[in-house]
Amino acid sequence: MWKIEKDCDGSATILRLSGRIQSDDIASIQSVMSDGCPRKILDLSEVTLVDLDVIRFLMSCEDDGIELVQCPAYVREWILRERSE
């Protein structure tokens, strides 16, 4: 089970993700992110578990300029390992 909370102040959209995020959830996250705000931030402080497709999605988010904040150590490490391959 996962949850998403959205906060937009006009200049940035902050999405707080929590719980277990799986590949099936990526489309929903993308849909919420497409609000026209120029700056996007993903707060991952409450994420408990992800799969490989989510890691690749987060990598592409970073590549597109989306900031990942409060990223769990295991997620950051997995991203770094995927980038090095």
N, C-alpha and C. Protein backbone atom coordinates (compact mmCIF):
# COMPACT_ATOMS: atom_id res chain seq x y z
N MET A 1 0.84 -1.18 0.00
CA MET A 1 0.00 0.00 0.00
C MET A 1 0.88 1.24 0.00
N TRP A 2 0.48 2.23 -0.76
CA TRP A 2 1.25 3.46 -0.84
C TRP A 2 0.31 4.65 -0.84
N LYS A 3 0.92 5.81 -0.64
CA LYS A 3 0.14 7.04 -0.57
C LYS A 3 0.97 8.17 -1.17
N ILE A 4 0.26 9.15 -1.74
CA ILE A 4 0.93 10.33 -2.28
C ILE A 4 0.19 11.57 -1.80
N GLU A 5 0.96 12.55 -1.35
CA GLU A 5 0.41 13.84 -0.95
C GLU A 5 1.07 14.90 -1.82
N LYS A 6 0.28 15.86 -2.27
CA LYS A 6 0.78 16.89 -3.17
C LYS A 6 0.64 18.26 -2.53
N ASP A 7 1.70 19.05 -2.64
CA ASP A 7 1.68 20.42 -2.16
C ASP A 7 2.30 21.28 -3.26
N CYS A 8 1.56 22.29 -3.70
CA CYS A 8 2.05 23.17 -4.76
C CYS A 8 1.90 24.61 -4.31
N ASP A 9 3.00 25.37 -4.39
CA ASP A 9 2.95 26.77 -3.98
C ASP A 9 3.04 27.72 -5.18
N GLY A 10 2.89 27.19 -6.36
CA GLY A 10 2.95 28.01 -7.57
C GLY A 10 4.31 27.96 -8.25
N SER A 11 5.38 27.82 -7.46
CA SER A 11 6.71 27.75 -8.06
C SER A 11 7.30 26.34 -7.99
N ALA A 12 6.76 25.51 -7.10
CA ALA A 12 7.26 24.14 -6.97
C ALA A 12 6.13 23.22 -6.53
N THR A 13 6.21 22.00 -7.03
CA THR A 13 5.28 20.95 -6.60
C THR A 13 6.08 19.95 -5.79
N ILE A 14 5.63 19.70 -4.57
CA ILE A 14 6.28 18.71 -3.71
C ILE A 14 5.32 17.53 -3.60
N LEU A 15 5.83 16.36 -3.96
CA LEU A 15 5.07 15.13 -3.82
C LEU A 15 5.71 14.30 -2.72
N ARG A 16 4.94 14.01 -1.69
CA ARG A 16 5.41 13.17 -0.60
C ARG A 16 4.88 11.75 -0.83
N LEU A 17 5.80 10.85 -1.08
CA LEU A 17 5.44 9.47 -1.31
C LEU A 17 5.67 8.69 -0.03
N SER A 18 4.79 7.76 0.25
CA SER A 18 4.99 6.93 1.43
C SER A 18 4.51 5.51 1.15
N GLY A 19 5.10 4.59 1.88
CA GLY A 19 4.72 3.19 1.74
C GLY A 19 5.55 2.44 0.72
N ARG A 20 4.94 1.40 0.21
CA ARG A 20 5.59 0.50 -0.76
C ARG A 20 5.21 0.95 -2.17
N ILE A 21 6.21 1.39 -2.94
CA ILE A 21 5.98 1.88 -4.30
C ILE A 21 6.43 0.80 -5.28
N GLN A 22 5.52 0.43 -6.19
CA GLN A 22 5.83 -0.60 -7.17
C GLN A 22 5.65 -0.05 -8.58
N SER A 23 6.11 -0.81 -9.54
CA SER A 23 6.07 -0.36 -10.94
C SER A 23 4.66 0.02 -11.38
N ASP A 24 3.65 -0.64 -10.87
CA ASP A 24 2.26 -0.32 -11.23
C ASP A 24 1.85 1.08 -10.79
N ASP A 25 2.58 1.66 -9.85
CA ASP A 25 2.24 2.97 -9.30
C ASP A 25 2.87 4.13 -10.06
N ILE A 26 3.80 3.85 -10.93
CA ILE A 26 4.54 4.90 -11.64
C ILE A 26 3.61 5.80 -12.45
N ALA A 27 2.68 5.22 -13.17
CA ALA A 27 1.76 6.02 -14.00
C ALA A 27 0.96 7.00 -13.14
N SER A 28 0.53 6.57 -11.98
CA SER A 28 -0.21 7.45 -11.07
C SER A 28 0.66 8.60 -10.59
N ILE A 29 1.90 8.30 -10.27
CA ILE A 29 2.82 9.35 -9.82
C ILE A 29 3.06 10.35 -10.94
N GLN A 30 3.29 9.85 -12.15
CA GLN A 30 3.50 10.73 -13.30
C GLN A 30 2.29 11.61 -13.54
N SER A 31 1.12 11.07 -13.38
CA SER A 31 -0.10 11.83 -13.60
C SER A 31 -0.21 12.99 -12.61
N VAL A 32 0.09 12.73 -11.36
CA VAL A 32 0.03 13.77 -10.34
C VAL A 32 1.12 14.82 -10.57
N MET A 33 2.25 14.39 -11.12
CA MET A 33 3.37 15.30 -11.36
C MET A 33 3.11 16.25 -12.52
N SER A 34 2.22 15.91 -13.42
CA SER A 34 2.03 16.72 -14.63
C SER A 34 1.03 17.85 -14.38
N ASP A 35 1.45 18.80 -13.56
CA ASP A 35 0.57 19.91 -13.21
C ASP A 35 1.04 21.24 -13.78
N GLY A 36 2.12 21.25 -14.54
CA GLY A 36 2.59 22.47 -15.16
C GLY A 36 3.54 23.29 -14.31
N CYS A 37 3.75 22.90 -13.06
CA CYS A 37 4.68 23.62 -12.19
C CYS A 37 6.10 23.37 -12.71
N PRO A 38 6.92 24.41 -12.79
CA PRO A 38 8.25 24.23 -13.38
C PRO A 38 9.22 23.42 -12.52
N ARG A 39 9.08 23.47 -11.21
CA ARG A 39 10.01 22.77 -10.32
C ARG A 39 9.25 21.66 -9.59
N LYS A 40 9.85 20.47 -9.60
CA LYS A 40 9.21 19.33 -8.96
C LYS A 40 10.18 18.70 -7.96
N ILE A 41 9.62 18.31 -6.82
CA ILE A 41 10.40 17.69 -5.75
C ILE A 41 9.67 16.43 -5.30
N LEU A 42 10.39 15.33 -5.21
CA LEU A 42 9.84 14.09 -4.68
C LEU A 42 10.44 13.88 -3.29
N ASP A 43 9.61 13.89 -2.27
CA ASP A 43 10.01 13.64 -0.90
C ASP A 43 9.78 12.15 -0.63
N LEU A 44 10.87 11.44 -0.41
CA LEU A 44 10.81 9.99 -0.27
C LEU A 44 11.02 9.53 1.17
N SER A 45 10.87 10.45 2.13
CA SER A 45 11.19 10.14 3.53
C SER A 45 10.38 9.00 4.11
N GLU A 46 9.19 8.77 3.61
CA GLU A 46 8.33 7.72 4.17
C GLU A 46 8.18 6.50 3.26
N VAL A 47 9.04 6.41 2.25
CA VAL A 47 9.01 5.24 1.36
C VAL A 47 9.67 4.07 2.07
N THR A 48 8.98 2.94 2.07
CA THR A 48 9.50 1.77 2.79
C THR A 48 10.10 0.71 1.87
N LEU A 49 9.58 0.61 0.64
CA LEU A 49 10.05 -0.43 -0.27
C LEU A 49 9.79 -0.01 -1.70
N VAL A 50 10.73 -0.30 -2.59
CA VAL A 50 10.57 -0.02 -4.02
C VAL A 50 11.06 -1.22 -4.82
N ASP A 51 10.70 -1.26 -6.10
CA ASP A 51 11.23 -2.31 -6.97
C ASP A 51 12.15 -1.68 -8.02
N LEU A 52 12.73 -2.50 -8.85
CA LEU A 52 13.71 -2.04 -9.83
C LEU A 52 13.14 -1.00 -10.79
N ASP A 53 11.91 -1.19 -11.25
CA ASP A 53 11.31 -0.23 -12.17
C ASP A 53 11.15 1.14 -11.50
N VAL A 54 10.85 1.15 -10.23
CA VAL A 54 10.73 2.42 -9.50
C VAL A 54 12.09 3.09 -9.39
N ILE A 55 13.13 2.32 -9.14
CA ILE A 55 14.49 2.87 -9.10
C ILE A 55 14.82 3.51 -10.44
N ARG A 56 14.53 2.83 -11.52
CA ARG A 56 14.80 3.39 -12.86
C ARG A 56 13.96 4.63 -13.12
N PHE A 57 12.71 4.65 -12.64
CA PHE A 57 11.86 5.83 -12.75
C PHE A 57 12.47 7.00 -11.98
N LEU A 58 12.93 6.74 -10.75
CA LEU A 58 13.54 7.80 -9.95
C LEU A 58 14.81 8.33 -10.61
N MET A 59 15.57 7.45 -11.23
CA MET A 59 16.76 7.87 -11.97
C MET A 59 16.38 8.81 -13.11
N SER A 60 15.35 8.46 -13.85
CA SER A 60 14.93 9.31 -14.97
C SER A 60 14.36 10.62 -14.45
N CYS A 61 13.72 10.61 -13.29
CA CYS A 61 13.23 11.85 -12.69
C CYS A 61 14.42 12.78 -12.41
N GLU A 62 15.45 12.23 -11.78
CA GLU A 62 16.65 13.05 -11.50
C GLU A 62 17.26 13.57 -12.78
N ASP A 63 17.33 12.73 -13.80
CA ASP A 63 17.89 13.15 -15.09
C ASP A 63 17.08 14.29 -15.71
N ASP A 64 15.79 14.33 -15.40
CA ASP A 64 14.90 15.38 -15.92
C ASP A 64 14.86 16.61 -15.02
N GLY A 65 15.69 16.63 -13.98
CA GLY A 65 15.76 17.79 -13.11
C GLY A 65 14.84 17.77 -11.91
N ILE A 66 14.19 16.66 -11.67
CA ILE A 66 13.31 16.52 -10.51
C ILE A 66 14.19 16.17 -9.31
N GLU A 67 14.02 16.92 -8.24
CA GLU A 67 14.83 16.74 -7.05
C GLU A 67 14.26 15.64 -6.17
N LEU A 68 15.13 14.73 -5.72
CA LEU A 68 14.75 13.70 -4.77
C LEU A 68 15.27 14.12 -3.41
N VAL A 69 14.36 14.31 -2.44
CA VAL A 69 14.78 14.72 -1.11
C VAL A 69 14.41 13.65 -0.09
N GLN A 70 15.19 13.62 0.99
CA GLN A 70 15.00 12.67 2.07
C GLN A 70 14.88 11.25 1.54
N CYS A 71 15.77 10.94 0.63
CA CYS A 71 15.79 9.64 -0.02
C CYS A 71 16.37 8.60 0.94
N PRO A 72 15.67 7.50 1.18
CA PRO A 72 16.23 6.45 2.05
C PRO A 72 17.58 5.98 1.53
N ALA A 73 18.47 5.66 2.44
CA ALA A 73 19.84 5.28 2.07
C ALA A 73 19.86 4.11 1.09
N TYR A 74 19.01 3.12 1.29
CA TYR A 74 19.03 1.96 0.39
C TYR A 74 18.58 2.34 -1.02
N VAL A 75 17.65 3.29 -1.13
CA VAL A 75 17.20 3.74 -2.45
C VAL A 75 18.33 4.50 -3.14
N ARG A 76 18.99 5.40 -2.42
CA ARG A 76 20.11 6.16 -3.01
C ARG A 76 21.21 5.22 -3.45
N GLU A 77 21.54 4.24 -2.62
CA GLU A 77 22.59 3.28 -2.97
C GLU A 77 22.20 2.48 -4.21
N TRP A 78 20.96 2.07 -4.30
CA TRP A 78 20.49 1.30 -5.45
C TRP A 78 20.55 2.16 -6.72
N ILE A 79 20.18 3.40 -6.61
CA ILE A 79 20.27 4.32 -7.76
C ILE A 79 21.72 4.43 -8.21
N LEU A 80 22.63 4.62 -7.27
CA LEU A 80 24.05 4.73 -7.61
C LEU A 80 24.56 3.47 -8.29
N ARG A 81 24.14 2.32 -7.80
CA ARG A 81 24.57 1.05 -8.42
C ARG A 81 24.01 0.90 -9.83
N GLU A 82 22.76 1.27 -10.03
CA GLU A 82 22.16 1.19 -11.36
C GLU A 82 22.85 2.14 -12.34
N ARG A 83 23.21 3.31 -11.85
CA ARG A 83 23.89 4.28 -12.72
C ARG A 83 25.28 3.79 -13.14
N SER A 84 25.93 3.05 -12.27
CA SER A 84 27.28 2.58 -12.57
C SER A 84 27.30 1.39 -13.52
N GLU A 85 26.16 0.74 -13.70
CA GLU A 85 26.10 -0.43 -14.60
C GLU A 85 25.91 -0.04 -16.04
